[in-house]
Amino acid sequence: MISSVPQRLRPFLASLAVTIALGACATAPVEVDSTAGSGTLPASASTDALQTGADPRAEQLAQSGSDEWAQSESDDFGADEGDNDPLEIPNRMFFAFNEALDFAVIRPIAATYRFVVPTGVRNSVRNFLRNLRSPVTLANDLLQGDLERAETTAARFFINSTIGLLGVFDIAADSGYPYHSEDFGQTLGTYGAGEGIYLVLPIFGPSSLRDAGGRVVDTLLDPLTYIAPDGANLARAAATGVDLRSRNLDELDALKSDSLDFYARIRSLYRQNRVSEINNGAPPQEVPNFSDLPDAEGPNAETRDPLSADQNSLVVE
């Protein structure tokens, strides 16, 4: 059975390899013949070429793994110095490819699925798919050292697999065991691993170097990788994508129409969602404000302005 692992991972690894390879080509230095002109390119040349191309928008945020992404109020409509997106050109190419695929195939299937299948049945399908992923979530709970959430995951898997008829009904949620999801990318994030460069993978959508590697590890942690046929695993992945896409049809349409640069907006929302998932929904810890500390010099502490430039410089530094 171990020999089947590379076969299942092949599509994802191929997408990752193509993205990095095109990124290396796109970021290669361009030499200009000095005899043909001034010998330099305008600083805005690459940006202007990017902005005058086809509108690079896509629907693949539905593949990012969260139903609550639309609650974000991000106004990031363009690149900034800290976007950590050196492969932006190939990323936008795959973004446009994913949009075309979504427009032609994924969205029509998801819209039909939502229109034809009753809500109760769709909820049962999602419950079943979530239950199948419970072993991966449990493994990452344990790797993160979160025994409380690991206990919740184990209880959910036992209750829903038995009383809930293999997860079709989420009995555990009504019994005080709420659903949560974990992956190895989140596990790495809890140990302080940075996300690495931003990636857009063909079909798989937005990701990062850390999360792409985490997806590979999650596949290896999944027992179904070894005991289920490849066709069943592909059908499971397709069903998960269609279900998630069907639940975000209206939200993505609204976000798309409201975005000046849909690519940059999705990139920002994806990162915000991942930070929220790593922190289990809690806001990131803030750096303490050292200006609130008492002055060690004594009498001057009562008369010094707490907003003075001298003390604020500690925070800036």
Protein backbone atom coordinates (compact mmCIF):
# COMPACT_ATOMS: atom_id res chain seq x y z
CA MET A 1 0.00 0.00 0.00
CA ILE A 2 2.89 2.37 0.63
CA SER A 3 3.64 2.37 -3.08
CA SER A 4 0.28 4.07 -3.65
CA VAL A 5 1.30 7.16 -1.67
CA PRO A 6 3.43 8.78 -4.42
CA GLN A 7 0.64 8.18 -6.92
CA ARG A 8 -1.89 10.07 -4.84
CA LEU A 9 0.51 12.92 -4.15
CA ARG A 10 1.61 13.22 -7.77
CA PRO A 11 -0.98 15.85 -8.87
CA PHE A 12 -0.26 18.11 -5.91
CA LEU A 13 3.51 17.77 -6.16
CA ALA A 14 3.32 18.45 -9.89
CA SER A 15 1.35 21.65 -9.25
CA LEU A 16 3.90 22.76 -6.66
CA ALA A 17 6.84 21.98 -8.94
CA VAL A 18 5.33 23.83 -11.91
CA THR A 19 4.61 26.89 -9.76
CA ILE A 20 8.17 27.07 -8.43
CA ALA A 21 9.70 26.38 -11.84
CA LEU A 22 7.72 29.14 -13.53
CA GLY A 23 8.51 31.42 -10.62
CA ALA A 24 12.23 30.83 -11.13
CA CYS A 25 11.87 31.71 -14.80
CA ALA A 26 9.76 34.76 -14.08
CA THR A 27 12.20 36.15 -11.54
CA ALA A 28 15.29 35.61 -13.68
CA PRO A 29 17.16 38.87 -14.37
CA VAL A 30 16.51 40.49 -17.74
CA GLU A 31 19.52 41.88 -19.60
CA VAL A 32 18.92 44.79 -21.94
CA ASP A 33 21.17 45.69 -24.86
CA SER A 34 22.67 49.04 -23.99
CA THR A 35 23.14 49.90 -27.67
CA ALA A 36 19.41 49.68 -28.33
CA GLY A 37 18.43 52.44 -25.92
CA SER A 38 19.26 53.82 -22.58
CA GLY A 39 20.26 50.38 -21.29
CA THR A 40 17.75 50.34 -18.44
CA LEU A 41 14.13 49.49 -18.04
CA PRO A 42 11.69 51.82 -16.28
CA ALA A 43 11.06 50.80 -12.71
CA SER A 44 7.33 50.53 -13.36
CA ALA A 45 7.62 48.48 -16.55
CA SER A 46 6.81 45.11 -15.05
CA THR A 47 4.00 46.58 -12.94
CA ASP A 48 2.43 48.34 -15.93
CA ALA A 49 2.61 45.17 -18.00
CA LEU A 50 0.88 43.30 -15.19
CA GLN A 51 -1.86 45.88 -14.83
CA THR A 52 -2.63 46.05 -18.53
CA GLY A 53 -3.06 42.28 -18.90
CA ALA A 54 -6.17 40.22 -18.44
CA ASP A 55 -8.10 40.71 -15.22
CA PRO A 56 -6.48 38.10 -12.91
CA ARG A 57 -9.35 37.07 -10.64
CA ALA A 58 -10.32 33.68 -9.35
CA GLU A 59 -12.75 31.82 -7.11
CA GLN A 60 -10.27 29.52 -5.43
CA LEU A 61 -10.62 30.98 -1.93
CA ALA A 62 -13.33 28.34 -1.58
CA GLN A 63 -10.45 25.86 -1.43
CA SER A 64 -8.78 27.63 1.49
CA GLY A 65 -10.54 25.54 4.10
CA SER A 66 -12.84 27.98 5.91
CA ASP A 67 -16.55 28.84 5.59
CA GLU A 68 -16.11 32.10 7.54
CA TRP A 69 -13.50 33.84 5.41
CA ALA A 70 -16.01 36.43 4.18
CA GLN A 71 -16.20 38.06 7.61
CA SER A 72 -12.87 39.75 6.97
CA GLU A 73 -12.89 43.48 6.22
CA SER A 74 -9.53 43.61 4.48
CA ASP A 75 -8.87 46.57 2.17
CA ASP A 76 -5.69 45.15 0.66
CA PHE A 77 -6.25 45.84 -3.03
CA GLY A 78 -2.65 45.83 -4.19
CA ALA A 79 0.89 44.82 -3.52
CA ASP A 80 2.89 46.20 -0.62
CA GLU A 81 6.44 45.80 0.52
CA GLY A 82 5.55 43.01 2.94
CA ASP A 83 3.37 40.86 0.73
CA ASN A 84 6.13 38.21 0.44
CA ASP A 85 5.02 37.28 -3.06
CA PRO A 86 8.16 37.01 -5.22
CA LEU A 87 6.35 34.59 -7.57
CA GLU A 88 3.53 37.01 -8.25
CA ILE A 89 3.71 36.70 -12.04
CA PRO A 90 3.28 32.89 -12.19
CA ASN A 91 0.91 33.08 -9.24
CA ARG A 92 -1.34 35.42 -11.23
CA MET A 93 -1.12 33.09 -14.22
CA PHE A 94 -2.37 30.16 -12.14
CA PHE A 95 -4.93 32.46 -10.50
CA ALA A 96 -6.37 33.21 -13.94
CA PHE A 97 -6.27 29.51 -14.86
CA ASN A 98 -8.16 28.59 -11.69
CA GLU A 99 -10.72 31.30 -12.39
CA ALA A 100 -11.34 29.94 -15.87
CA LEU A 101 -11.65 26.42 -14.49
CA ASP A 102 -14.04 27.63 -11.83
CA PHE A 103 -16.17 29.57 -14.33
CA ALA A 104 -16.40 26.66 -16.76
CA VAL A 105 -16.64 23.66 -14.43
CA ILE A 106 -16.55 24.14 -10.66
CA ARG A 107 -19.05 26.96 -10.17
CA PRO A 108 -21.77 25.44 -12.41
CA ILE A 109 -21.48 22.11 -10.60
CA ALA A 110 -21.55 23.80 -7.19
CA ALA A 111 -24.54 25.97 -8.13
CA THR A 112 -26.44 22.93 -9.44
CA TYR A 113 -25.56 20.97 -6.33
CA ARG A 114 -26.90 23.72 -4.06
CA PHE A 115 -30.06 24.15 -6.14
CA VAL A 116 -30.92 20.46 -6.47
CA VAL A 117 -29.79 18.93 -3.17
CA PRO A 118 -31.78 19.89 -0.03
CA THR A 119 -29.94 21.71 2.74
CA GLY A 120 -30.28 18.82 5.17
CA VAL A 121 -28.69 16.39 2.75
CA ARG A 122 -25.85 18.81 1.99
CA ASN A 123 -25.21 19.22 5.71
CA SER A 124 -25.07 15.44 6.10
CA VAL A 125 -22.55 15.22 3.24
CA ARG A 126 -20.36 17.81 4.93
CA ASN A 127 -20.64 16.01 8.27
CA PHE A 128 -19.59 12.75 6.63
CA LEU A 129 -16.58 14.36 4.92
CA ARG A 130 -15.52 16.07 8.14
CA ASN A 131 -15.71 12.79 10.03
CA LEU A 132 -13.42 11.13 7.48
CA ARG A 133 -10.79 13.79 8.20
CA SER A 134 -10.95 13.37 11.99
CA PRO A 135 -7.80 11.18 12.21
CA VAL A 136 -5.73 13.92 10.54
CA THR A 137 -7.15 16.55 12.88
CA LEU A 138 -6.48 14.31 15.89
CA ALA A 139 -2.87 13.72 14.83
CA ASN A 140 -2.25 17.46 14.53
CA ASP A 141 -3.97 18.17 17.85
CA LEU A 142 -1.52 15.77 19.48
CA LEU A 143 1.48 17.17 17.59
CA GLN A 144 0.53 20.63 18.86
CA GLY A 145 0.32 19.32 22.42
CA ASP A 146 -3.31 20.43 22.71
CA LEU A 147 -4.73 17.53 24.70
CA GLU A 148 -8.08 19.21 25.34
CA ARG A 149 -8.82 19.64 21.63
CA ALA A 150 -7.44 16.16 20.94
CA GLU A 151 -9.94 14.76 23.44
CA THR A 152 -12.73 16.67 21.69
CA THR A 153 -11.68 15.32 18.29
CA ALA A 154 -11.48 11.74 19.56
CA ALA A 155 -14.88 12.01 21.23
CA ARG A 156 -16.40 13.49 18.08
CA PHE A 157 -15.00 10.72 15.92
CA PHE A 158 -16.28 7.98 18.24
CA ILE A 159 -19.76 9.46 18.74
CA ASN A 160 -20.35 10.43 15.13
CA SER A 161 -18.95 7.19 13.73
CA THR A 162 -21.32 5.15 15.88
CA ILE A 163 -24.47 7.00 16.92
CA GLY A 164 -24.07 9.44 14.05
CA LEU A 165 -24.01 6.67 11.43
CA LEU A 166 -20.44 7.12 10.15
CA GLY A 167 -20.62 10.86 10.59
CA VAL A 168 -23.77 11.52 8.56
CA PHE A 169 -25.27 13.19 11.64
CA ASP A 170 -23.20 15.47 13.88
CA ILE A 171 -24.46 14.13 17.20
CA ALA A 172 -21.22 15.15 18.94
CA ALA A 173 -21.83 18.86 18.37
CA ASP A 174 -25.15 18.59 20.21
CA SER A 175 -23.36 16.73 23.00
CA GLY A 176 -20.89 19.54 23.71
CA TYR A 177 -18.06 18.59 21.35
CA PRO A 178 -17.83 21.36 18.73
CA TYR A 179 -16.13 20.82 15.39
CA HIS A 180 -12.67 22.17 14.65
CA SER A 181 -10.12 21.44 11.96
CA GLU A 182 -6.33 21.19 12.16
CA ASP A 183 -3.64 20.56 9.56
CA PHE A 184 0.12 20.24 9.60
CA GLY A 185 0.57 23.76 8.24
CA GLN A 186 -1.19 25.03 11.36
CA THR A 187 0.95 22.73 13.49
CA LEU A 188 4.11 24.25 12.04
CA GLY A 189 2.65 27.71 12.63
CA THR A 190 2.04 27.01 16.31
CA TYR A 191 5.76 26.29 16.66
CA GLY A 192 6.66 29.60 15.08
CA ALA A 193 7.37 28.47 11.52
CA GLY A 194 6.85 31.29 9.05
CA GLU A 195 4.51 30.86 6.13
CA GLY A 196 7.24 31.26 3.51
CA ILE A 197 6.48 32.68 0.09
CA TYR A 198 2.90 32.92 -1.11
CA LEU A 199 1.86 30.36 -3.73
CA VAL A 200 -1.12 29.84 -6.00
CA LEU A 201 -1.30 26.21 -7.06
CA PRO A 202 -3.19 25.02 -10.13
CA ILE A 203 -6.56 23.60 -9.04
CA PHE A 204 -5.55 23.62 -5.35
CA GLY A 205 -5.66 27.41 -5.06
CA PRO A 206 -3.96 29.75 -2.57
CA SER A 207 -1.23 28.31 -0.36
CA SER A 208 2.24 29.01 0.96
CA LEU A 209 5.52 27.13 1.17
CA ARG A 210 4.69 26.03 4.72
CA ASP A 211 1.10 25.05 3.97
CA ALA A 212 2.00 23.24 0.75
CA GLY A 213 4.46 21.09 2.65
CA GLY A 214 1.87 20.61 5.36
CA ARG A 215 -0.62 19.28 2.82
CA VAL A 216 1.85 16.56 1.84
CA VAL A 217 2.33 15.55 5.49
CA ASP A 218 -1.45 15.51 6.09
CA THR A 219 -1.84 13.12 3.16
CA LEU A 220 0.72 10.81 4.74
CA LEU A 221 -1.02 11.06 8.13
CA ASP A 222 -4.41 10.16 6.65
CA PRO A 223 -5.22 6.44 7.11
CA LEU A 224 -7.46 6.53 4.02
CA THR A 225 -4.34 7.18 1.95
CA TYR A 226 -3.32 3.59 2.61
CA ILE A 227 -6.61 1.70 2.86
CA ALA A 228 -8.91 3.43 0.35
CA PRO A 229 -8.61 3.18 -3.44
CA ASP A 230 -7.20 6.19 -5.25
CA GLY A 231 -10.53 6.72 -6.97
CA ALA A 232 -12.32 6.96 -3.63
CA ASN A 233 -9.81 9.51 -2.34
CA LEU A 234 -10.17 11.62 -5.48
CA ALA A 235 -13.95 11.47 -5.19
CA ARG A 236 -13.69 12.56 -1.57
CA ALA A 237 -11.48 15.53 -2.50
CA ALA A 238 -13.85 16.54 -5.29
CA ALA A 239 -16.89 16.30 -3.03
CA THR A 240 -15.17 18.43 -0.40
CA GLY A 241 -14.33 21.12 -2.96
CA VAL A 242 -17.84 21.19 -4.46
CA ASP A 243 -19.47 21.35 -1.02
CA LEU A 244 -17.24 24.20 0.10
CA ARG A 245 -17.70 26.09 -3.17
CA SER A 246 -21.48 25.72 -2.98
CA ARG A 247 -21.49 27.37 0.45
CA ASN A 248 -19.61 30.44 -0.78
CA LEU A 249 -21.27 31.22 -4.11
CA ASP A 250 -22.91 34.50 -3.11
CA GLU A 251 -20.07 35.65 -0.85
CA LEU A 252 -17.41 35.16 -3.52
CA ASP A 253 -19.52 36.89 -6.16
CA ALA A 254 -19.96 39.89 -3.86
CA LEU A 255 -16.27 39.97 -2.97
CA LYS A 256 -15.29 39.72 -6.62
CA SER A 257 -17.49 42.65 -7.65
CA ASP A 258 -16.22 44.75 -4.75
CA SER A 259 -12.48 44.19 -5.32
CA LEU A 260 -10.19 46.41 -7.35
CA ASP A 261 -7.58 43.63 -7.42
CA PHE A 262 -9.19 40.29 -6.66
CA TYR A 263 -5.83 38.50 -6.58
CA ALA A 264 -4.44 40.78 -3.85
CA ARG A 265 -7.70 40.59 -1.92
CA ILE A 266 -7.71 36.80 -1.93
CA ARG A 267 -4.06 36.74 -0.91
CA SER A 268 -4.77 38.99 2.06
CA LEU A 269 -7.88 37.05 3.11
CA TYR A 270 -6.09 33.72 2.85
CA ARG A 271 -3.31 34.92 5.14
CA GLN A 272 -5.73 36.38 7.65
CA ASN A 273 -7.67 33.13 7.70
CA ARG A 274 -4.52 31.08 8.28
CA VAL A 275 -3.42 33.33 11.15
CA SER A 276 -6.86 32.92 12.72
CA GLU A 277 -6.72 29.14 12.32
CA ILE A 278 -3.23 28.89 13.82
CA ASN A 279 -4.40 30.90 16.85
CA ASN A 280 -7.63 28.86 17.09
CA GLY A 281 -9.69 31.95 16.39
CA ALA A 282 -7.99 34.09 19.04
CA PRO A 283 -6.38 37.40 18.01
CA PRO A 284 -2.57 37.37 17.73
CA GLN A 285 -0.72 38.32 20.86
CA GLU A 286 0.21 41.99 20.91
CA VAL A 287 3.65 43.33 21.69
CA PRO A 288 3.57 44.90 25.17
CA ASN A 289 3.59 48.69 25.29
CA PHE A 290 6.73 49.55 27.23
CA SER A 291 5.65 53.18 27.58
CA ASP A 292 3.24 52.05 30.31
CA LEU A 293 6.08 50.78 32.51
CA PRO A 294 7.11 52.98 35.48
CA ASP A 295 10.24 55.06 35.02
CA ALA A 296 13.15 53.61 36.99
CA GLU A 297 14.62 57.09 37.55
CA GLY A 298 12.12 57.92 40.29
CA PRO A 299 10.73 61.48 40.59
CA ASN A 300 10.66 62.11 36.85
CA ALA A 301 8.21 59.27 36.38
CA GLU A 302 5.27 61.35 37.69
CA THR A 303 5.97 64.45 35.60
CA ARG A 304 7.06 62.88 32.30
CA ASP A 305 4.48 62.75 29.55
CA PRO A 306 3.68 59.06 28.85
CA LEU A 307 3.34 59.92 25.14
CA SER A 308 6.69 61.66 24.88
CA ALA A 309 8.97 60.85 21.97
CA ASP A 310 11.60 59.42 24.28
CA GLN A 311 9.34 56.70 25.61
CA ASN A 312 7.55 55.99 22.35
CA SER A 313 10.90 55.30 20.74
CA LEU A 314 11.07 52.13 22.82
CA VAL A 315 7.92 50.83 21.17
CA VAL A 316 9.06 51.74 17.69
CA GLU A 317 12.40 50.07 18.18
